[in-house]
N, C-alpha and C. Protein backbone atom coordinates (compact mmCIF):
# COMPACT_ATOMS: atom_id res chain seq x y z
N MET A 1 -9.89 43.36 21.13
CA MET A 1 -10.61 42.59 22.14
C MET A 1 -11.53 41.59 21.50
N THR A 2 -11.54 40.46 22.02
CA THR A 2 -12.38 39.43 21.48
C THR A 2 -13.56 39.13 22.60
N VAL A 3 -14.71 38.56 22.10
CA VAL A 3 -15.84 38.33 22.94
C VAL A 3 -15.71 36.78 23.36
N ALA A 4 -15.89 36.43 24.59
CA ALA A 4 -15.80 35.14 25.16
C ALA A 4 -16.75 34.25 24.55
N VAL A 5 -16.44 32.97 24.32
CA VAL A 5 -17.47 31.99 23.84
C VAL A 5 -18.78 32.00 24.56
N THR A 6 -18.74 32.22 25.88
CA THR A 6 -19.90 32.15 26.72
C THR A 6 -20.95 33.29 26.42
N THR A 7 -20.48 34.42 25.91
CA THR A 7 -21.29 35.49 25.60
C THR A 7 -21.36 35.91 24.17
N LEU A 8 -20.69 35.07 23.25
CA LEU A 8 -20.70 35.48 21.83
C LEU A 8 -22.04 35.39 21.13
N ARG A 9 -22.90 34.35 21.43
CA ARG A 9 -24.14 34.38 20.78
C ARG A 9 -25.00 35.50 21.05
N SER A 10 -25.09 36.04 22.23
CA SER A 10 -25.90 37.22 22.51
C SER A 10 -25.32 38.40 22.05
N THR A 11 -23.93 38.53 22.02
CA THR A 11 -23.34 39.67 21.43
C THR A 11 -23.62 39.74 19.94
N LEU A 12 -23.57 38.60 19.26
CA LEU A 12 -23.94 38.52 17.75
C LEU A 12 -25.41 38.96 17.61
N ALA A 13 -26.24 38.41 18.37
CA ALA A 13 -27.71 38.77 18.26
C ALA A 13 -27.97 40.29 18.46
N SER A 14 -27.26 40.89 19.39
CA SER A 14 -27.32 42.38 19.62
C SER A 14 -26.87 43.08 18.43
N ALA A 15 -25.85 42.65 17.80
CA ALA A 15 -25.25 43.35 16.57
C ALA A 15 -26.30 43.20 15.49
N LEU A 16 -27.18 42.28 15.47
CA LEU A 16 -28.18 42.20 14.33
C LEU A 16 -29.48 42.78 14.69
N GLU A 17 -29.69 43.46 15.79
CA GLU A 17 -30.97 44.13 16.04
C GLU A 17 -31.25 45.19 15.04
N SER A 18 -32.54 45.21 14.73
CA SER A 18 -32.99 46.22 13.67
C SER A 18 -34.52 46.54 14.14
N ALA A 19 -34.60 47.50 15.05
CA ALA A 19 -36.03 47.75 15.57
C ALA A 19 -36.91 48.20 14.52
N GLY A 20 -38.14 47.61 14.55
CA GLY A 20 -39.12 48.00 13.54
C GLY A 20 -39.03 47.17 12.18
N GLU A 21 -37.91 46.51 12.01
CA GLU A 21 -37.68 45.68 10.80
C GLU A 21 -37.82 44.21 11.09
N TRP A 22 -37.13 43.63 12.09
CA TRP A 22 -37.22 42.26 12.49
C TRP A 22 -36.99 42.12 13.99
N SER A 23 -37.44 40.94 14.50
CA SER A 23 -37.06 40.47 15.85
C SER A 23 -35.82 39.71 15.78
N VAL A 24 -35.06 39.66 16.79
CA VAL A 24 -33.80 38.86 16.90
C VAL A 24 -33.94 38.00 18.05
N PHE A 25 -33.48 36.68 17.86
CA PHE A 25 -33.33 35.69 18.91
C PHE A 25 -32.04 35.18 18.97
N SER A 26 -31.42 35.04 20.19
CA SER A 26 -30.15 34.46 20.33
C SER A 26 -30.20 32.96 20.48
N PHE A 27 -31.26 32.41 20.28
CA PHE A 27 -31.58 30.97 20.45
C PHE A 27 -32.73 30.60 19.50
N PRO A 28 -32.87 29.35 19.30
CA PRO A 28 -34.08 29.02 18.37
C PRO A 28 -35.28 29.08 19.20
N PRO A 29 -36.26 29.90 18.81
CA PRO A 29 -37.47 30.08 19.62
C PRO A 29 -38.40 28.91 19.46
N ALA A 30 -39.25 28.61 20.42
CA ALA A 30 -40.18 27.44 20.33
C ALA A 30 -40.97 27.57 19.09
N THR A 31 -41.52 28.75 18.76
CA THR A 31 -42.30 28.90 17.59
C THR A 31 -41.65 30.05 16.70
N PRO A 32 -41.09 29.66 15.54
CA PRO A 32 -40.56 30.70 14.70
C PRO A 32 -41.62 31.71 14.23
N ILE A 33 -41.29 32.90 14.10
CA ILE A 33 -42.21 33.99 13.62
C ILE A 33 -41.64 34.71 12.37
N ALA A 34 -42.56 35.22 11.51
CA ALA A 34 -42.06 35.97 10.39
C ALA A 34 -41.37 37.22 10.80
N ASN A 35 -40.54 37.66 9.88
CA ASN A 35 -39.69 38.96 10.13
C ASN A 35 -38.92 38.75 11.44
N SER A 36 -38.02 37.71 11.43
CA SER A 36 -37.17 37.50 12.56
C SER A 36 -35.78 36.91 12.11
N VAL A 37 -34.82 37.11 12.93
CA VAL A 37 -33.53 36.72 12.69
C VAL A 37 -33.11 35.86 13.88
N ILE A 38 -32.60 34.66 13.70
CA ILE A 38 -32.23 33.75 14.71
C ILE A 38 -30.86 33.40 14.66
N VAL A 39 -30.11 33.51 15.79
CA VAL A 39 -28.69 33.09 15.86
C VAL A 39 -28.67 31.67 16.47
N GLN A 40 -28.17 30.63 15.67
CA GLN A 40 -28.16 29.27 16.09
C GLN A 40 -26.73 28.72 15.90
N PRO A 41 -26.22 27.84 16.88
CA PRO A 41 -24.92 27.27 16.60
C PRO A 41 -24.91 26.45 15.40
N ASP A 42 -23.85 26.37 14.69
CA ASP A 42 -23.78 25.55 13.42
C ASP A 42 -22.85 24.38 13.79
N ASP A 43 -22.67 23.39 12.83
CA ASP A 43 -21.92 22.25 13.09
C ASP A 43 -20.83 22.25 12.17
N PRO A 44 -19.48 22.22 12.55
CA PRO A 44 -19.17 22.19 13.97
C PRO A 44 -19.42 23.53 14.65
N TYR A 45 -19.62 23.50 15.91
CA TYR A 45 -19.90 24.57 16.71
C TYR A 45 -18.68 25.48 17.00
N ILE A 46 -17.76 24.83 17.85
CA ILE A 46 -16.48 25.41 18.30
C ILE A 46 -15.41 24.55 17.71
N GLU A 47 -14.50 25.33 17.02
CA GLU A 47 -13.29 24.67 16.45
C GLU A 47 -12.08 25.25 17.15
N PRO A 48 -11.51 24.40 18.18
CA PRO A 48 -10.23 24.83 18.74
C PRO A 48 -9.08 24.87 17.73
N SER A 49 -8.21 25.88 17.91
CA SER A 49 -7.13 25.96 16.95
C SER A 49 -5.95 25.10 17.41
N ASN A 50 -5.89 24.83 18.67
CA ASN A 50 -4.91 23.95 19.24
C ASN A 50 -5.43 23.18 20.42
N ASN A 51 -5.00 21.96 20.60
CA ASN A 51 -5.67 21.15 21.64
C ASN A 51 -4.99 21.48 23.05
N ILE A 52 -3.94 22.06 23.06
CA ILE A 52 -3.10 22.23 24.39
C ILE A 52 -3.27 23.76 25.01
N TYR A 53 -3.04 24.69 24.14
CA TYR A 53 -2.88 26.02 24.61
C TYR A 53 -4.28 26.77 24.79
N SER A 54 -4.61 27.17 25.87
CA SER A 54 -5.90 28.01 25.96
C SER A 54 -5.79 29.44 25.50
N THR A 55 -4.54 29.82 25.18
CA THR A 55 -4.37 31.16 24.71
C THR A 55 -4.68 31.26 23.23
N VAL A 56 -4.76 30.18 22.51
CA VAL A 56 -5.01 30.12 21.08
C VAL A 56 -6.61 30.26 20.95
N ALA A 57 -6.97 31.27 20.08
CA ALA A 57 -8.34 31.54 19.89
C ALA A 57 -9.10 30.45 19.20
N PRO A 58 -10.25 30.16 19.68
CA PRO A 58 -11.10 29.20 18.93
C PRO A 58 -12.02 29.93 17.90
N LYS A 59 -12.45 29.14 16.95
CA LYS A 59 -13.29 29.73 15.89
C LYS A 59 -14.65 29.15 16.19
N VAL A 60 -15.82 29.95 16.27
CA VAL A 60 -17.16 29.59 16.58
C VAL A 60 -17.96 29.82 15.30
N ASN A 61 -18.72 28.81 14.97
CA ASN A 61 -19.62 28.90 13.74
C ASN A 61 -21.09 28.96 14.13
N PHE A 62 -21.73 29.84 13.50
CA PHE A 62 -23.25 30.07 13.65
C PHE A 62 -23.89 30.01 12.35
N LYS A 63 -25.21 29.71 12.39
CA LYS A 63 -26.20 29.84 11.33
C LYS A 63 -27.06 31.04 11.76
N ILE A 64 -27.20 32.01 10.84
CA ILE A 64 -28.13 33.12 10.99
C ILE A 64 -29.28 32.77 10.16
N ILE A 65 -30.45 32.45 10.80
CA ILE A 65 -31.63 32.07 10.11
C ILE A 65 -32.53 33.31 10.00
N MET A 66 -32.88 33.59 8.75
CA MET A 66 -33.74 34.68 8.36
C MET A 66 -35.06 34.28 7.97
N ILE A 67 -36.18 34.84 8.51
CA ILE A 67 -37.54 34.39 8.18
C ILE A 67 -38.42 35.58 7.81
N VAL A 68 -39.08 35.50 6.79
CA VAL A 68 -40.08 36.48 6.27
C VAL A 68 -41.38 35.80 6.00
N PRO A 69 -42.46 36.55 5.95
CA PRO A 69 -43.78 35.96 5.56
C PRO A 69 -43.82 35.45 4.12
N MET A 70 -44.61 34.34 3.91
CA MET A 70 -44.86 33.89 2.57
C MET A 70 -46.09 34.51 2.10
N PHE A 71 -46.07 35.31 1.05
CA PHE A 71 -47.24 36.07 0.52
C PHE A 71 -48.10 35.32 -0.49
N ASP A 72 -47.53 34.80 -1.51
CA ASP A 72 -48.18 34.27 -2.62
C ASP A 72 -47.42 33.21 -3.30
N ASN A 73 -47.78 32.80 -4.54
CA ASN A 73 -46.96 31.79 -5.18
C ASN A 73 -45.55 32.14 -5.48
N GLN A 74 -45.38 33.43 -5.73
CA GLN A 74 -44.02 34.02 -5.89
C GLN A 74 -43.24 34.09 -4.64
N GLY A 75 -43.97 33.88 -3.58
CA GLY A 75 -43.33 33.93 -2.23
C GLY A 75 -43.08 35.30 -1.85
N ASN A 76 -42.03 35.46 -1.16
CA ASN A 76 -41.56 36.86 -0.79
C ASN A 76 -40.07 36.97 -0.98
N LEU A 77 -39.68 36.57 -2.21
CA LEU A 77 -38.25 36.62 -2.56
C LEU A 77 -37.60 38.05 -2.20
N GLN A 78 -38.31 39.15 -2.63
CA GLN A 78 -37.75 40.35 -2.50
C GLN A 78 -37.57 40.67 -0.94
N GLY A 79 -38.55 40.14 -0.12
CA GLY A 79 -38.36 40.30 1.36
C GLY A 79 -37.21 39.71 1.92
N ILE A 80 -36.99 38.31 1.46
CA ILE A 80 -35.70 37.65 2.00
C ILE A 80 -34.55 38.22 1.49
N GLU A 81 -34.52 38.73 0.25
CA GLU A 81 -33.29 39.27 -0.30
C GLU A 81 -32.96 40.61 0.41
N ASN A 82 -34.01 41.35 0.73
CA ASN A 82 -33.79 42.58 1.46
C ASN A 82 -33.23 42.27 2.87
N MET A 83 -33.74 41.23 3.50
CA MET A 83 -33.34 40.82 4.86
C MET A 83 -31.92 40.33 4.89
N VAL A 84 -31.48 39.50 3.80
CA VAL A 84 -30.13 39.02 3.63
C VAL A 84 -29.21 40.28 3.48
N VAL A 85 -29.54 41.30 2.76
CA VAL A 85 -28.70 42.37 2.63
C VAL A 85 -28.56 43.19 3.92
N GLY A 86 -29.77 43.36 4.57
CA GLY A 86 -29.72 44.05 5.90
C GLY A 86 -28.97 43.40 6.93
N VAL A 87 -29.02 42.12 7.05
CA VAL A 87 -28.13 41.29 8.02
C VAL A 87 -26.68 41.44 7.61
N PHE A 88 -26.40 41.30 6.39
CA PHE A 88 -25.05 41.42 5.93
C PHE A 88 -24.49 42.77 6.29
N ASN A 89 -25.22 43.88 6.05
CA ASN A 89 -24.78 45.22 6.38
C ASN A 89 -24.77 45.44 7.86
N LYS A 90 -25.52 44.83 8.66
CA LYS A 90 -25.35 44.91 10.14
C LYS A 90 -24.08 44.34 10.54
N LEU A 91 -23.71 43.10 9.92
CA LEU A 91 -22.50 42.47 10.38
C LEU A 91 -21.25 43.39 9.85
N ALA A 92 -21.35 43.91 8.74
CA ALA A 92 -20.27 44.74 8.23
C ALA A 92 -20.06 46.01 9.01
N ALA A 93 -21.17 46.57 9.62
CA ALA A 93 -21.10 47.89 10.29
C ALA A 93 -20.59 47.69 11.72
N GLN A 94 -20.81 46.53 12.38
CA GLN A 94 -20.35 46.43 13.71
C GLN A 94 -18.86 46.30 13.85
N THR A 95 -18.23 46.66 14.96
CA THR A 95 -16.81 46.76 15.02
C THR A 95 -16.33 45.85 16.21
N THR A 96 -17.20 45.22 16.99
CA THR A 96 -16.79 44.40 18.06
C THR A 96 -16.33 42.98 17.65
N LEU A 97 -16.99 42.45 16.72
CA LEU A 97 -16.79 41.06 16.28
C LEU A 97 -15.97 41.01 15.00
N LYS A 98 -15.14 39.98 14.84
CA LYS A 98 -14.42 39.76 13.55
C LYS A 98 -15.15 38.66 12.89
N VAL A 99 -16.09 39.00 11.99
CA VAL A 99 -17.05 38.02 11.39
C VAL A 99 -16.55 37.64 9.99
N SER A 100 -16.62 36.44 9.65
CA SER A 100 -16.41 35.93 8.28
C SER A 100 -17.67 35.26 7.89
N VAL A 101 -18.28 35.86 6.79
CA VAL A 101 -19.54 35.31 6.30
C VAL A 101 -19.27 34.28 5.27
N GLY A 102 -19.98 33.20 5.35
CA GLY A 102 -19.93 32.15 4.47
C GLY A 102 -20.98 32.09 3.46
N ASN A 103 -21.46 30.89 3.13
CA ASN A 103 -22.56 30.83 2.17
C ASN A 103 -23.96 31.29 2.66
N ILE A 104 -24.79 31.64 1.77
CA ILE A 104 -26.16 31.94 2.12
C ILE A 104 -27.02 31.00 1.35
N SER A 105 -27.95 30.32 2.08
CA SER A 105 -28.75 29.19 1.39
C SER A 105 -29.84 29.65 0.56
N ALA A 106 -30.27 28.96 -0.40
CA ALA A 106 -31.43 29.32 -1.28
C ALA A 106 -32.61 29.47 -0.37
N PRO A 107 -33.58 30.34 -0.64
CA PRO A 107 -34.80 30.36 0.20
C PRO A 107 -35.55 29.10 0.16
N SER A 108 -36.21 28.74 1.26
CA SER A 108 -36.97 27.54 1.29
C SER A 108 -38.29 27.86 2.08
N VAL A 109 -39.28 27.10 1.92
CA VAL A 109 -40.55 27.34 2.63
C VAL A 109 -40.49 26.61 3.99
N LEU A 110 -40.92 27.27 5.01
CA LEU A 110 -41.06 26.80 6.39
C LEU A 110 -42.52 26.84 6.78
N SER A 111 -43.03 25.58 7.09
CA SER A 111 -44.44 25.58 7.59
C SER A 111 -44.45 25.47 9.06
N ALA A 112 -45.02 26.34 9.78
CA ALA A 112 -45.03 26.38 11.19
C ALA A 112 -46.49 26.74 11.66
N VAL A 113 -46.53 26.77 13.04
CA VAL A 113 -47.92 27.19 13.59
C VAL A 113 -48.34 28.47 13.18
N ALA A 114 -47.39 29.40 12.94
CA ALA A 114 -47.78 30.82 12.58
C ALA A 114 -48.12 30.85 11.10
N GLY A 115 -47.99 29.75 10.28
CA GLY A 115 -48.26 29.74 8.84
C GLY A 115 -46.98 29.44 8.06
N GLU A 116 -47.16 29.62 6.77
CA GLU A 116 -45.99 29.38 5.92
C GLU A 116 -45.11 30.62 5.75
N MET A 117 -43.85 30.36 5.90
CA MET A 117 -42.91 31.48 5.80
C MET A 117 -41.64 31.12 4.91
N LEU A 118 -40.99 32.01 4.54
CA LEU A 118 -39.79 31.90 3.61
C LEU A 118 -38.50 32.00 4.52
N THR A 119 -37.66 31.19 4.33
CA THR A 119 -36.45 31.22 5.25
C THR A 119 -35.16 31.05 4.46
N SER A 120 -34.12 31.59 4.92
CA SER A 120 -32.83 31.44 4.37
C SER A 120 -31.73 31.41 5.43
N GLU A 121 -30.64 30.71 5.23
CA GLU A 121 -29.62 30.65 6.29
C GLU A 121 -28.33 31.29 5.81
N MET A 122 -27.60 31.96 6.72
CA MET A 122 -26.38 32.57 6.41
C MET A 122 -25.35 31.97 7.37
N SER A 123 -24.31 31.43 6.91
CA SER A 123 -23.20 30.87 7.83
C SER A 123 -22.20 32.00 8.06
N VAL A 124 -21.83 31.95 9.39
CA VAL A 124 -20.82 33.00 9.87
C VAL A 124 -19.91 32.25 10.74
N SER A 125 -18.59 32.73 10.80
CA SER A 125 -17.59 32.33 11.76
C SER A 125 -16.88 33.40 12.37
N ILE A 126 -16.63 33.34 13.65
CA ILE A 126 -16.09 34.33 14.39
C ILE A 126 -14.95 33.81 15.29
N MET A 127 -13.78 34.48 15.12
CA MET A 127 -12.62 34.16 16.06
C MET A 127 -12.97 34.81 17.43
N THR A 128 -12.76 34.00 18.52
CA THR A 128 -13.20 34.52 19.80
C THR A 128 -12.06 34.04 20.90
N SER A 129 -12.48 34.13 22.06
CA SER A 129 -11.61 33.63 23.18
C SER A 129 -12.32 32.78 24.17
N TRP A 130 -11.57 31.98 24.86
CA TRP A 130 -12.14 30.95 25.79
C TRP A 130 -12.75 31.67 26.97
N SER A 131 -12.35 32.87 27.41
CA SER A 131 -12.95 33.52 28.50
C SER A 131 -12.92 35.00 28.37
């Protein structure tokens, strides 16, 4: 069974929930916060496999943005590395989605209203259905 394009983002966000470790957003929040995971459409977002047949599954691409607090000059590399491993393990453990994990970006500093944070992005692709 595949998950429809219309509910895929929220299904992916639910698979990444980790109570007590991080907050999960199925959309980019107005104000990013530390210790959070954000599911955001990537570009290209939806890749149809065939222009004519609606029975051919599309591939949907997402960026999973991971954010941890920035502690000092060394940053919080251990924290972002632990979160990357935790998110990867959450994806590997779920059985509903057929996820292909792509590249994971180098950590970078994010300056926001809540202060400076360290962030990294994981690319994922999922084969899904139109309905």
